[in-house]
Amino acid sequence: MIQPNLWGAGLKTLAMLCIVIGVLILVLFLMKRFLYLRNGSGQGQLIKMLSSYHVTPKERIALIDVAGEKLVIGITPANITCLAKIATSEALERIEGVKPLQAGRGLFEKLLTSSLKGKGRSSER
């Protein structure tokens, strides 16, 4: 009787599983990237998020621009509430001076710059 090489078959199975999982992750990443680009990050949008502040992990306050009007809204898992409408010229000038929020760059960019600053200090000593 011929006994199959179990180690070889196991390694082939594991390699194929890794390839399938890798392709799945790549496809999901590409879908997320292209669907995000198509659904809302283009220029000429009527609704833009200018800033966001997390009050708790599930609640936040956001400043949005809807067709030129600035609104402050409260966002919870259950609802969205309009908290205020910015109408004073001084506040509008301050808001216009700040660049809009870029998706995915806030926290990572802060961590990266603080990490790089920390390494720069330790290398000088």
C-alpha atoms as a PDB file:
ATOM      1  CA  MET A   1       0.000   0.000   0.000  1.00  0.00           C
ATOM      2  CA  ILE A   2       1.139   3.490  -0.789  1.00  0.00           C
ATOM      3  CA  GLN A   3       0.958   5.887   2.165  1.00  0.00           C
ATOM      4  CA  PRO A   4       0.415   9.538   1.143  1.00  0.00           C
ATOM      5  CA  ASN A   5       2.794  12.135   2.391  1.00  0.00           C
ATOM      6  CA  LEU A   6       0.647  13.856   5.004  1.00  0.00           C
ATOM      7  CA  TRP A   7       3.101  16.673   5.677  1.00  0.00           C
ATOM      8  CA  GLY A   8       3.250  17.608   2.006  1.00  0.00           C
ATOM      9  CA  ALA A   9      -0.513  17.521   1.642  1.00  0.00           C
ATOM     10  CA  GLY A  10      -0.938  19.579   4.811  1.00  0.00           C
ATOM     11  CA  LEU A  11       1.535  22.219   3.630  1.00  0.00           C
ATOM     12  CA  LYS A  12      -0.161  22.430   0.218  1.00  0.00           C
ATOM     13  CA  THR A  13      -3.546  22.857   1.896  1.00  0.00           C
ATOM     14  CA  LEU A  14      -2.199  25.542   4.227  1.00  0.00           C
ATOM     15  CA  ALA A  15      -0.545  27.388   1.320  1.00  0.00           C
ATOM     16  CA  MET A  16      -3.766  27.369  -0.690  1.00  0.00           C
ATOM     17  CA  LEU A  17      -5.729  28.623   2.321  1.00  0.00           C
ATOM     18  CA  CYS A  18      -3.255  31.505   2.758  1.00  0.00           C
ATOM     19  CA  ILE A  19      -3.558  32.381  -0.934  1.00  0.00           C
ATOM     20  CA  VAL A  20      -7.360  32.380  -0.781  1.00  0.00           C
ATOM     21  CA  ILE A  21      -7.400  34.535   2.365  1.00  0.00           C
ATOM     22  CA  GLY A  22      -4.868  36.927   0.832  1.00  0.00           C
ATOM     23  CA  VAL A  23      -6.927  37.331  -2.338  1.00  0.00           C
ATOM     24  CA  LEU A  24     -10.068  37.867  -0.243  1.00  0.00           C
ATOM     25  CA  ILE A  25      -8.395  40.608   1.807  1.00  0.00           C
ATOM     26  CA  LEU A  26      -7.105  42.274  -1.358  1.00  0.00           C
ATOM     27  CA  VAL A  27     -10.539  42.210  -3.009  1.00  0.00           C
ATOM     28  CA  LEU A  28     -12.239  43.617   0.100  1.00  0.00           C
ATOM     29  CA  PHE A  29      -9.623  46.376   0.376  1.00  0.00           C
ATOM     30  CA  LEU A  30     -10.066  47.342  -3.281  1.00  0.00           C
ATOM     31  CA  MET A  31     -13.861  47.277  -2.985  1.00  0.00           C
ATOM     32  CA  LYS A  32     -13.767  49.523   0.057  1.00  0.00           C
ATOM     33  CA  ARG A  33     -11.360  51.921  -1.603  1.00  0.00           C
ATOM     34  CA  PHE A  34     -13.222  52.234  -4.902  1.00  0.00           C
ATOM     35  CA  LEU A  35     -16.698  52.327  -3.369  1.00  0.00           C
ATOM     36  CA  TYR A  36     -15.568  55.070  -0.977  1.00  0.00           C
ATOM     37  CA  LEU A  37     -14.101  57.105  -3.824  1.00  0.00           C
ATOM     38  CA  ARG A  38     -17.240  56.724  -5.902  1.00  0.00           C
ATOM     39  CA  ASN A  39     -19.738  57.391  -3.111  1.00  0.00           C
ATOM     40  CA  GLY A  40     -18.563  60.506  -1.408  1.00  0.00           C
ATOM     41  CA  SER A  41     -15.074  61.849  -1.559  1.00  0.00           C
ATOM     42  CA  GLY A  42     -15.328  63.704  -4.861  1.00  0.00           C
ATOM     43  CA  GLN A  43     -15.406  67.455  -5.276  1.00  0.00           C
ATOM     44  CA  GLY A  44     -18.706  69.248  -5.722  1.00  0.00           C
ATOM     45  CA  GLN A  45     -20.424  67.478  -2.822  1.00  0.00           C
ATOM     46  CA  LEU A  46     -23.309  69.311  -1.188  1.00  0.00           C
ATOM     47  CA  ILE A  47     -22.560  67.815   2.233  1.00  0.00           C
ATOM     48  CA  LYS A  48     -19.039  67.970   3.680  1.00  0.00           C
ATOM     49  CA  MET A  49     -17.814  67.072   7.166  1.00  0.00           C
ATOM     50  CA  LEU A  50     -15.552  69.876   8.354  1.00  0.00           C
ATOM     51  CA  SER A  51     -14.695  68.623  11.823  1.00  0.00           C
ATOM     52  CA  SER A  52     -15.637  65.957  14.332  1.00  0.00           C
ATOM     53  CA  TYR A  53     -15.155  65.606  18.097  1.00  0.00           C
ATOM     54  CA  HIS A  54     -15.755  62.325  19.924  1.00  0.00           C
ATOM     55  CA  VAL A  55     -17.536  62.950  23.227  1.00  0.00           C
ATOM     56  CA  THR A  56     -17.735  59.241  24.112  1.00  0.00           C
ATOM     57  CA  PRO A  57     -16.827  56.179  22.046  1.00  0.00           C
ATOM     58  CA  LYS A  58     -20.336  56.089  20.553  1.00  0.00           C
ATOM     59  CA  GLU A  59     -21.272  59.781  20.594  1.00  0.00           C
ATOM     60  CA  ARG A  60     -19.752  62.683  18.731  1.00  0.00           C
ATOM     61  CA  ILE A  61     -20.304  66.271  17.724  1.00  0.00           C
ATOM     62  CA  ALA A  62     -19.708  67.155  14.088  1.00  0.00           C
ATOM     63  CA  LEU A  63     -19.465  70.393  12.150  1.00  0.00           C
ATOM     64  CA  ILE A  64     -20.836  69.940   8.652  1.00  0.00           C
ATOM     65  CA  ASP A  65     -21.354  72.137   5.614  1.00  0.00           C
ATOM     66  CA  VAL A  66     -24.664  71.555   3.837  1.00  0.00           C
ATOM     67  CA  ALA A  67     -24.908  73.586   0.619  1.00  0.00           C
ATOM     68  CA  GLY A  68     -22.926  76.440   2.152  1.00  0.00           C
ATOM     69  CA  GLU A  69     -24.636  76.473   5.572  1.00  0.00           C
ATOM     70  CA  LYS A  70     -22.593  75.411   8.605  1.00  0.00           C
ATOM     71  CA  LEU A  71     -24.397  73.132  11.066  1.00  0.00           C
ATOM     72  CA  VAL A  72     -23.323  71.592  14.378  1.00  0.00           C
ATOM     73  CA  ILE A  73     -24.887  68.171  14.842  1.00  0.00           C
ATOM     74  CA  GLY A  74     -24.843  65.581  17.612  1.00  0.00           C
ATOM     75  CA  ILE A  75     -24.474  61.973  16.472  1.00  0.00           C
ATOM     76  CA  THR A  76     -25.424  58.983  18.638  1.00  0.00           C
ATOM     77  CA  PRO A  77     -26.167  55.367  17.695  1.00  0.00           C
ATOM     78  CA  ALA A  78     -29.895  56.110  17.986  1.00  0.00           C
ATOM     79  CA  ASN A  79     -30.232  59.476  16.208  1.00  0.00           C
ATOM     80  CA  ILE A  80     -28.731  62.649  14.764  1.00  0.00           C
ATOM     81  CA  THR A  81     -29.699  66.004  16.262  1.00  0.00           C
ATOM     82  CA  CYS A  82     -29.065  69.507  14.931  1.00  0.00           C
ATOM     83  CA  LEU A  83     -27.478  71.367  17.834  1.00  0.00           C
ATOM     84  CA  ALA A  84     -26.818  74.755  16.244  1.00  0.00           C
ATOM     85  CA  LYS A  85     -26.597  76.678  13.009  1.00  0.00           C
ATOM     86  CA  ILE A  86     -23.517  78.866  12.638  1.00  0.00           C
ATOM     87  CA  ALA A  87     -24.678  82.278  11.484  1.00  0.00           C
ATOM     88  CA  THR A  88     -22.237  84.863  12.889  1.00  0.00           C
ATOM     89  CA  SER A  89     -19.695  86.226  10.443  1.00  0.00           C
ATOM     90  CA  GLU A  90     -16.815  85.885  12.956  1.00  0.00           C
ATOM     91  CA  ALA A  91     -17.444  82.168  13.452  1.00  0.00           C
ATOM     92  CA  LEU A  92     -17.854  81.609   9.710  1.00  0.00           C
ATOM     93  CA  GLU A  93     -14.489  83.309   9.045  1.00  0.00           C
ATOM     94  CA  ARG A  94     -12.780  81.063  11.615  1.00  0.00           C
ATOM     95  CA  ILE A  95     -14.364  77.963  10.095  1.00  0.00           C
ATOM     96  CA  GLU A  96     -13.386  78.936   6.538  1.00  0.00           C
ATOM     97  CA  GLY A  97      -9.753  79.284   7.686  1.00  0.00           C
ATOM     98  CA  VAL A  98      -9.595  75.623   8.744  1.00  0.00           C
ATOM     99  CA  LYS A  99      -9.092  72.962   6.051  1.00  0.00           C
ATOM    100  CA  PRO A 100     -11.750  70.203   5.806  1.00  0.00           C
ATOM    101  CA  LEU A 101     -11.341  66.872   7.558  1.00  0.00           C
ATOM    102  CA  GLN A 102      -9.538  64.265   5.455  1.00  0.00           C
ATOM    103  CA  ALA A 103     -10.750  60.730   5.957  1.00  0.00           C
ATOM    104  CA  GLY A 104      -8.439  58.386   7.778  1.00  0.00           C
ATOM    105  CA  ARG A 105      -5.615  60.828   8.406  1.00  0.00           C
ATOM    106  CA  GLY A 106      -6.368  62.362  11.815  1.00  0.00           C
ATOM    107  CA  LEU A 107      -5.364  59.821  14.438  1.00  0.00           C
ATOM    108  CA  PHE A 108      -2.807  57.957  12.324  1.00  0.00           C
ATOM    109  CA  GLU A 109      -1.071  61.174  11.298  1.00  0.00           C
ATOM    110  CA  LYS A 110      -0.868  62.337  14.937  1.00  0.00           C
ATOM    111  CA  LEU A 111       0.532  58.992  16.085  1.00  0.00           C
ATOM    112  CA  LEU A 112       3.069  58.913  13.270  1.00  0.00           C
ATOM    113  CA  THR A 113       4.324  62.456  13.851  1.00  0.00           C
ATOM    114  CA  SER A 114       4.545  61.962  17.624  1.00  0.00           C
ATOM    115  CA  SER A 115       6.400  58.686  17.051  1.00  0.00           C
ATOM    116  CA  LEU A 116       8.845  60.334  14.680  1.00  0.00           C
ATOM    117  CA  LYS A 117       9.396  63.253  17.062  1.00  0.00           C
ATOM    118  CA  GLY A 118      10.106  60.798  19.878  1.00  0.00           C
ATOM    119  CA  LYS A 119      12.715  58.979  17.782  1.00  0.00           C
ATOM    120  CA  GLY A 120      14.350  62.254  16.809  1.00  0.00           C
ATOM    121  CA  ARG A 121      14.805  63.219  20.458  1.00  0.00           C
ATOM    122  CA  SER A 122      16.282  59.874  21.446  1.00  0.00           C
ATOM    123  CA  SER A 123      18.821  59.925  18.605  1.00  0.00           C
ATOM    124  CA  GLU A 124      20.079  63.385  19.596  1.00  0.00           C
ATOM    125  CA  ARG A 125      21.045  62.236  23.102  1.00  0.00           C
END
